[in-house]
Amino acid sequence: MYKINKQFSFSASHILEGLPFEHPCSRLHGHNYTITLHLRALKLDDTGFIKDYRSLDNVKRYIDETLDHRHLNDIFPFNPTAENMAKYLYDAFKKDIPELYAVEVSETPKTNAIYEADGE
């Protein structure tokens, strides 16, 4: 099995609903997010790639146009936790990137949430 990943970055704010008032994430705050797409394939294409990284430019365009320097509560129809965003982004990109098997969302260098589809 061959595996690759590509990272994309953006900055945005959010408020996490359902937390106690004293929890810092219940207040408006922001992160410098990193989104990592994980791709895999049993064999490589004729060039020797799983996927040409440049073919993922549509992901960068989506992030730049939709998420970067935005308030995520205004963008997503759900509580914008890293876990929820990972699943949402997986679903959004899977159709156009069949090699995609997981999406990772990092809010800080020490925290990551990963959505990986079972049985694919």
N, C-alpha and C. Protein backbone atom coordinates (compact mmCIF):
# COMPACT_ATOMS: atom_id res chain seq x y z
N MET A 1 0.85 -1.18 0.00
CA MET A 1 0.00 0.00 0.00
C MET A 1 0.89 1.24 0.00
N TYR A 2 0.61 2.14 -0.90
CA TYR A 2 1.30 3.43 -0.95
C TYR A 2 0.44 4.47 -0.25
N LYS A 3 1.08 5.39 0.46
CA LYS A 3 0.36 6.46 1.15
C LYS A 3 1.09 7.78 0.98
N ILE A 4 0.30 8.84 0.80
CA ILE A 4 0.84 10.20 0.77
C ILE A 4 -0.10 11.09 1.58
N ASN A 5 0.39 12.28 1.91
CA ASN A 5 -0.50 13.27 2.51
C ASN A 5 -0.08 14.65 2.05
N LYS A 6 -1.02 15.56 2.13
CA LYS A 6 -0.74 16.96 1.80
C LYS A 6 -1.43 17.83 2.82
N GLN A 7 -0.70 18.87 3.25
CA GLN A 7 -1.23 19.78 4.26
C GLN A 7 -1.63 21.12 3.64
N PHE A 8 -2.66 21.70 4.24
CA PHE A 8 -3.16 23.02 3.87
C PHE A 8 -3.37 23.79 5.17
N SER A 9 -3.13 25.09 5.14
CA SER A 9 -3.26 25.89 6.36
C SER A 9 -4.23 27.04 6.15
N PHE A 10 -4.88 27.43 7.24
CA PHE A 10 -5.73 28.62 7.23
C PHE A 10 -5.91 29.09 8.66
N SER A 11 -6.35 30.32 8.81
CA SER A 11 -6.64 30.90 10.11
C SER A 11 -8.12 31.23 10.18
N ALA A 12 -8.74 30.95 11.32
CA ALA A 12 -10.17 31.22 11.47
C ALA A 12 -10.53 31.27 12.95
N SER A 13 -11.72 31.81 13.22
CA SER A 13 -12.23 31.85 14.59
C SER A 13 -13.43 30.92 14.72
N HIS A 14 -13.77 30.59 15.96
CA HIS A 14 -14.99 29.84 16.24
C HIS A 14 -15.33 29.97 17.72
N ILE A 15 -16.53 29.53 18.04
CA ILE A 15 -17.01 29.40 19.41
C ILE A 15 -17.59 28.00 19.50
N LEU A 16 -17.18 27.23 20.49
CA LEU A 16 -17.73 25.89 20.65
C LEU A 16 -18.91 25.93 21.60
N GLU A 17 -20.05 25.54 21.08
CA GLU A 17 -21.29 25.52 21.84
C GLU A 17 -21.34 24.30 22.75
N GLY A 18 -22.10 24.40 23.84
CA GLY A 18 -22.33 23.26 24.72
C GLY A 18 -21.29 23.08 25.80
N LEU A 19 -20.35 23.98 25.89
CA LEU A 19 -19.32 23.90 26.93
C LEU A 19 -19.72 24.79 28.11
N PRO A 20 -19.21 24.49 29.30
CA PRO A 20 -19.49 25.37 30.44
C PRO A 20 -19.01 26.80 30.16
N PHE A 21 -19.67 27.76 30.74
CA PHE A 21 -19.35 29.17 30.55
C PHE A 21 -17.87 29.47 30.81
N GLU A 22 -17.31 28.83 31.83
CA GLU A 22 -15.92 29.12 32.20
C GLU A 22 -14.89 28.46 31.29
N HIS A 23 -15.32 27.57 30.42
CA HIS A 23 -14.39 26.90 29.49
C HIS A 23 -13.91 27.92 28.46
N PRO A 24 -12.59 28.03 28.24
CA PRO A 24 -12.10 29.05 27.31
C PRO A 24 -12.60 28.88 25.87
N CYS A 25 -12.90 27.65 25.47
CA CYS A 25 -13.36 27.43 24.10
C CYS A 25 -14.84 27.81 23.90
N SER A 26 -15.52 28.15 25.00
CA SER A 26 -16.90 28.62 24.86
C SER A 26 -16.94 30.09 24.46
N ARG A 27 -15.78 30.74 24.48
CA ARG A 27 -15.67 32.14 24.07
C ARG A 27 -15.08 32.22 22.66
N LEU A 28 -15.28 33.34 22.03
CA LEU A 28 -14.70 33.57 20.71
C LEU A 28 -13.18 33.45 20.79
N HIS A 29 -12.63 32.62 19.92
CA HIS A 29 -11.17 32.44 19.85
C HIS A 29 -10.81 31.94 18.47
N GLY A 30 -9.54 31.91 18.16
CA GLY A 30 -9.11 31.50 16.83
C GLY A 30 -7.95 30.52 16.86
N HIS A 31 -7.72 29.93 15.71
CA HIS A 31 -6.63 28.98 15.54
C HIS A 31 -5.97 29.19 14.19
N ASN A 32 -4.74 28.75 14.11
CA ASN A 32 -4.05 28.58 12.83
C ASN A 32 -4.17 27.09 12.52
N TYR A 33 -5.16 26.75 11.72
CA TYR A 33 -5.49 25.36 11.43
C TYR A 33 -4.55 24.76 10.39
N THR A 34 -4.35 23.46 10.49
CA THR A 34 -3.72 22.68 9.44
C THR A 34 -4.66 21.54 9.09
N ILE A 35 -4.97 21.43 7.82
CA ILE A 35 -5.79 20.34 7.30
C ILE A 35 -4.84 19.41 6.55
N THR A 36 -4.87 18.13 6.87
CA THR A 36 -4.05 17.15 6.16
C THR A 36 -4.94 16.14 5.50
N LEU A 37 -4.80 16.00 4.17
CA LEU A 37 -5.49 14.96 3.43
C LEU A 37 -4.56 13.76 3.33
N HIS A 38 -5.09 12.58 3.64
CA HIS A 38 -4.33 11.34 3.56
C HIS A 38 -4.89 10.51 2.41
N LEU A 39 -4.01 10.13 1.48
CA LEU A 39 -4.40 9.35 0.32
C LEU A 39 -3.63 8.04 0.30
N ARG A 40 -4.25 7.03 -0.30
CA ARG A 40 -3.56 5.74 -0.44
C ARG A 40 -4.02 5.03 -1.70
N ALA A 41 -3.16 4.12 -2.17
CA ALA A 41 -3.48 3.32 -3.36
C ALA A 41 -2.63 2.06 -3.34
N LEU A 42 -3.17 1.04 -3.95
CA LEU A 42 -2.44 -0.22 -4.05
C LEU A 42 -1.35 -0.16 -5.11
N LYS A 43 -1.58 0.67 -6.14
CA LYS A 43 -0.56 0.80 -7.18
C LYS A 43 -0.46 2.26 -7.60
N LEU A 44 0.65 2.57 -8.23
CA LEU A 44 0.92 3.93 -8.68
C LEU A 44 0.47 4.11 -10.12
N ASP A 45 0.23 5.36 -10.51
CA ASP A 45 -0.13 5.61 -11.90
C ASP A 45 1.12 5.51 -12.78
N ASP A 46 0.98 5.77 -14.07
CA ASP A 46 2.09 5.62 -15.01
C ASP A 46 3.25 6.56 -14.72
N THR A 47 2.99 7.65 -14.03
CA THR A 47 4.04 8.60 -13.67
C THR A 47 4.78 8.16 -12.41
N GLY A 48 4.14 7.32 -11.62
CA GLY A 48 4.72 6.89 -10.36
C GLY A 48 4.11 7.60 -9.16
N PHE A 49 2.92 8.15 -9.35
CA PHE A 49 2.20 8.87 -8.30
C PHE A 49 0.99 8.08 -7.83
N ILE A 50 0.61 8.31 -6.57
CA ILE A 50 -0.76 7.98 -6.14
C ILE A 50 -1.67 9.03 -6.74
N LYS A 51 -1.28 10.27 -6.57
CA LYS A 51 -2.01 11.43 -7.10
C LYS A 51 -1.00 12.56 -7.20
N ASP A 52 -1.04 13.27 -8.31
CA ASP A 52 -0.20 14.46 -8.45
C ASP A 52 -0.67 15.49 -7.43
N TYR A 53 0.22 15.97 -6.59
CA TYR A 53 -0.15 16.95 -5.57
C TYR A 53 -0.83 18.18 -6.17
N ARG A 54 -0.43 18.54 -7.37
CA ARG A 54 -1.03 19.73 -8.01
C ARG A 54 -2.50 19.50 -8.34
N SER A 55 -2.92 18.27 -8.44
CA SER A 55 -4.34 18.00 -8.73
C SER A 55 -5.22 18.26 -7.50
N LEU A 56 -4.59 18.57 -6.37
CA LEU A 56 -5.33 18.90 -5.16
C LEU A 56 -5.51 20.40 -4.97
N ASP A 57 -5.22 21.16 -6.01
CA ASP A 57 -5.35 22.61 -5.93
C ASP A 57 -6.78 23.06 -5.62
N ASN A 58 -7.78 22.25 -5.99
CA ASN A 58 -9.17 22.61 -5.69
C ASN A 58 -9.41 22.62 -4.17
N VAL A 59 -8.70 21.81 -3.43
CA VAL A 59 -8.82 21.81 -1.97
C VAL A 59 -8.28 23.12 -1.42
N LYS A 60 -7.13 23.53 -1.89
CA LYS A 60 -6.56 24.81 -1.46
C LYS A 60 -7.49 25.96 -1.80
N ARG A 61 -8.05 25.93 -2.98
CA ARG A 61 -8.96 26.99 -3.40
C ARG A 61 -10.19 27.04 -2.48
N TYR A 62 -10.75 25.87 -2.15
CA TYR A 62 -11.90 25.82 -1.24
C TYR A 62 -11.53 26.41 0.12
N ILE A 63 -10.40 26.00 0.65
CA ILE A 63 -9.98 26.49 1.96
C ILE A 63 -9.75 28.00 1.93
N ASP A 64 -9.05 28.48 0.92
CA ASP A 64 -8.77 29.91 0.82
C ASP A 64 -10.04 30.73 0.65
N GLU A 65 -10.98 30.25 -0.15
CA GLU A 65 -12.18 31.02 -0.45
C GLU A 65 -13.28 30.87 0.59
N THR A 66 -13.32 29.74 1.30
CA THR A 66 -14.45 29.44 2.18
C THR A 66 -14.11 29.52 3.66
N LEU A 67 -12.90 29.12 4.04
CA LEU A 67 -12.56 28.99 5.46
C LEU A 67 -11.58 30.02 5.99
N ASP A 68 -10.64 30.45 5.16
CA ASP A 68 -9.56 31.29 5.65
C ASP A 68 -10.06 32.66 6.11
N HIS A 69 -9.65 33.03 7.33
CA HIS A 69 -10.02 34.31 7.96
C HIS A 69 -11.54 34.50 8.01
N ARG A 70 -12.23 33.43 8.38
CA ARG A 70 -13.69 33.45 8.56
C ARG A 70 -14.02 33.02 9.98
N HIS A 71 -15.28 33.25 10.34
CA HIS A 71 -15.81 32.75 11.61
C HIS A 71 -16.53 31.45 11.28
N LEU A 72 -15.98 30.32 11.72
CA LEU A 72 -16.45 29.01 11.28
C LEU A 72 -17.89 28.71 11.70
N ASN A 73 -18.38 29.33 12.76
CA ASN A 73 -19.78 29.14 13.14
C ASN A 73 -20.71 29.67 12.06
N ASP A 74 -20.24 30.63 11.26
CA ASP A 74 -21.05 31.18 10.17
C ASP A 74 -20.96 30.33 8.91
N ILE A 75 -19.99 29.44 8.84
CA ILE A 75 -19.74 28.64 7.64
C ILE A 75 -20.41 27.27 7.74
N PHE A 76 -20.21 26.58 8.86
CA PHE A 76 -20.66 25.20 8.99
C PHE A 76 -22.02 25.12 9.68
N PRO A 77 -22.83 24.14 9.28
CA PRO A 77 -24.15 23.96 9.92
C PRO A 77 -24.08 23.07 11.16
N PHE A 78 -22.93 23.03 11.82
CA PHE A 78 -22.72 22.20 12.99
C PHE A 78 -21.73 22.90 13.91
N ASN A 79 -21.59 22.40 15.12
CA ASN A 79 -20.62 22.92 16.07
C ASN A 79 -19.22 22.67 15.47
N PRO A 80 -18.43 23.72 15.21
CA PRO A 80 -17.18 23.56 14.46
C PRO A 80 -16.01 23.02 15.29
N THR A 81 -16.18 21.81 15.80
CA THR A 81 -15.07 21.12 16.45
C THR A 81 -14.15 20.57 15.37
N ALA A 82 -12.93 20.26 15.73
CA ALA A 82 -11.99 19.67 14.78
C ALA A 82 -12.53 18.34 14.25
N GLU A 83 -13.17 17.56 15.13
CA GLU A 83 -13.71 16.26 14.73
C GLU A 83 -14.81 16.43 13.68
N ASN A 84 -15.73 17.36 13.93
CA ASN A 84 -16.82 17.59 12.97
C ASN A 84 -16.29 18.11 11.64
N MET A 85 -15.29 18.98 11.70
CA MET A 85 -14.73 19.52 10.46
C MET A 85 -14.01 18.44 9.66
N ALA A 86 -13.31 17.54 10.34
CA ALA A 86 -12.61 16.45 9.63
C ALA A 86 -13.59 15.60 8.84
N LYS A 87 -14.71 15.23 9.45
CA LYS A 87 -15.72 14.42 8.77
C LYS A 87 -16.35 15.19 7.61
N TYR A 88 -16.67 16.45 7.84
CA TYR A 88 -17.28 17.28 6.81
C TYR A 88 -16.35 17.40 5.59
N LEU A 89 -15.09 17.67 5.83
CA LEU A 89 -14.14 17.83 4.73
C LEU A 89 -13.89 16.51 4.01
N TYR A 90 -13.86 15.42 4.75
CA TYR A 90 -13.75 14.11 4.10
C TYR A 90 -14.91 13.91 3.13
N ASP A 91 -16.12 14.12 3.61
CA ASP A 91 -17.31 13.95 2.76
C ASP A 91 -17.29 14.90 1.57
N ALA A 92 -16.81 16.11 1.78
CA ALA A 92 -16.80 17.12 0.71
C ALA A 92 -15.83 16.76 -0.42
N PHE A 93 -14.71 16.13 -0.08
CA PHE A 93 -13.66 15.88 -1.08
C PHE A 93 -13.58 14.45 -1.58
N LYS A 94 -14.18 13.50 -0.91
CA LYS A 94 -14.05 12.09 -1.27
C LYS A 94 -14.48 11.79 -2.70
N LYS A 95 -15.56 12.39 -3.14
CA LYS A 95 -16.07 12.11 -4.50
C LYS A 95 -15.02 12.46 -5.56
N ASP A 96 -14.35 13.59 -5.41
CA ASP A 96 -13.36 14.03 -6.40
C ASP A 96 -11.97 13.45 -6.17
N ILE A 97 -11.76 12.88 -4.98
CA ILE A 97 -10.44 12.31 -4.65
C ILE A 97 -10.68 10.89 -4.12
N PRO A 98 -10.88 9.92 -5.01
CA PRO A 98 -11.21 8.57 -4.53
C PRO A 98 -10.12 7.92 -3.68
N GLU A 99 -8.89 8.38 -3.81
CA GLU A 99 -7.78 7.84 -3.02
C GLU A 99 -7.79 8.33 -1.57
N LEU A 100 -8.64 9.31 -1.28
CA LEU A 100 -8.72 9.88 0.07
C LEU A 100 -9.26 8.84 1.04
N TYR A 101 -8.54 8.64 2.15
CA TYR A 101 -9.03 7.71 3.16
C TYR A 101 -9.14 8.34 4.54
N ALA A 102 -8.55 9.53 4.72
CA ALA A 102 -8.65 10.20 6.02
C ALA A 102 -8.39 11.69 5.86
N VAL A 103 -9.01 12.46 6.76
CA VAL A 103 -8.77 13.90 6.85
C VAL A 103 -8.43 14.21 8.29
N GLU A 104 -7.38 14.98 8.47
CA GLU A 104 -6.90 15.36 9.79
C GLU A 104 -7.02 16.87 9.94
N VAL A 105 -7.54 17.30 11.06
CA VAL A 105 -7.67 18.73 11.36
C VAL A 105 -6.88 19.01 12.63
N SER A 106 -5.96 19.94 12.54
CA SER A 106 -5.14 20.33 13.69
C SER A 106 -5.42 21.78 14.02
N GLU A 107 -5.75 22.03 15.29
CA GLU A 107 -5.97 23.40 15.77
C GLU A 107 -4.69 23.99 16.37
N THR A 108 -3.84 23.13 16.88
CA THR A 108 -2.57 23.54 17.47
C THR A 108 -1.53 22.51 17.07
N PRO A 109 -0.25 22.81 17.23
CA PRO A 109 0.78 21.82 16.90
C PRO A 109 0.68 20.53 17.73
N LYS A 110 -0.04 20.58 18.86
CA LYS A 110 -0.12 19.42 19.74
C LYS A 110 -1.46 18.69 19.69
N THR A 111 -2.41 19.17 18.88
CA THR A 111 -3.73 18.54 18.86
C THR A 111 -4.16 18.22 17.43
N ASN A 112 -4.70 17.03 17.24
CA ASN A 112 -5.17 16.58 15.93
C ASN A 112 -6.44 15.77 16.08
N ALA A 113 -7.36 15.96 15.17
CA ALA A 113 -8.55 15.10 15.07
C ALA A 113 -8.53 14.49 13.68
N ILE A 114 -8.80 13.20 13.61
CA ILE A 114 -8.75 12.49 12.34
C ILE A 114 -10.08 11.80 12.10
N TYR A 115 -10.62 11.99 10.88
CA TYR A 115 -11.75 11.18 10.45
C TYR A 115 -11.23 10.23 9.39
N GLU A 116 -11.43 8.95 9.63
CA GLU A 116 -11.02 7.91 8.68
C GLU A 116 -12.22 7.01 8.45
N ALA A 117 -12.60 6.84 7.19
CA ALA A 117 -13.74 6.00 6.87
C ALA A 117 -13.38 4.54 7.08
N ASP A 118 -14.29 3.79 7.66
CA ASP A 118 -14.09 2.36 7.88
C ASP A 118 -14.37 1.59 6.60
N GLY A 119 -13.63 0.53 6.41
CA GLY A 119 -13.93 -0.44 5.36
C GLY A 119 -13.72 0.03 3.94
N GLU A 120 -12.89 1.00 3.72
CA GLU A 120 -12.64 1.44 2.33
C GLU A 120 -11.28 0.98 1.88
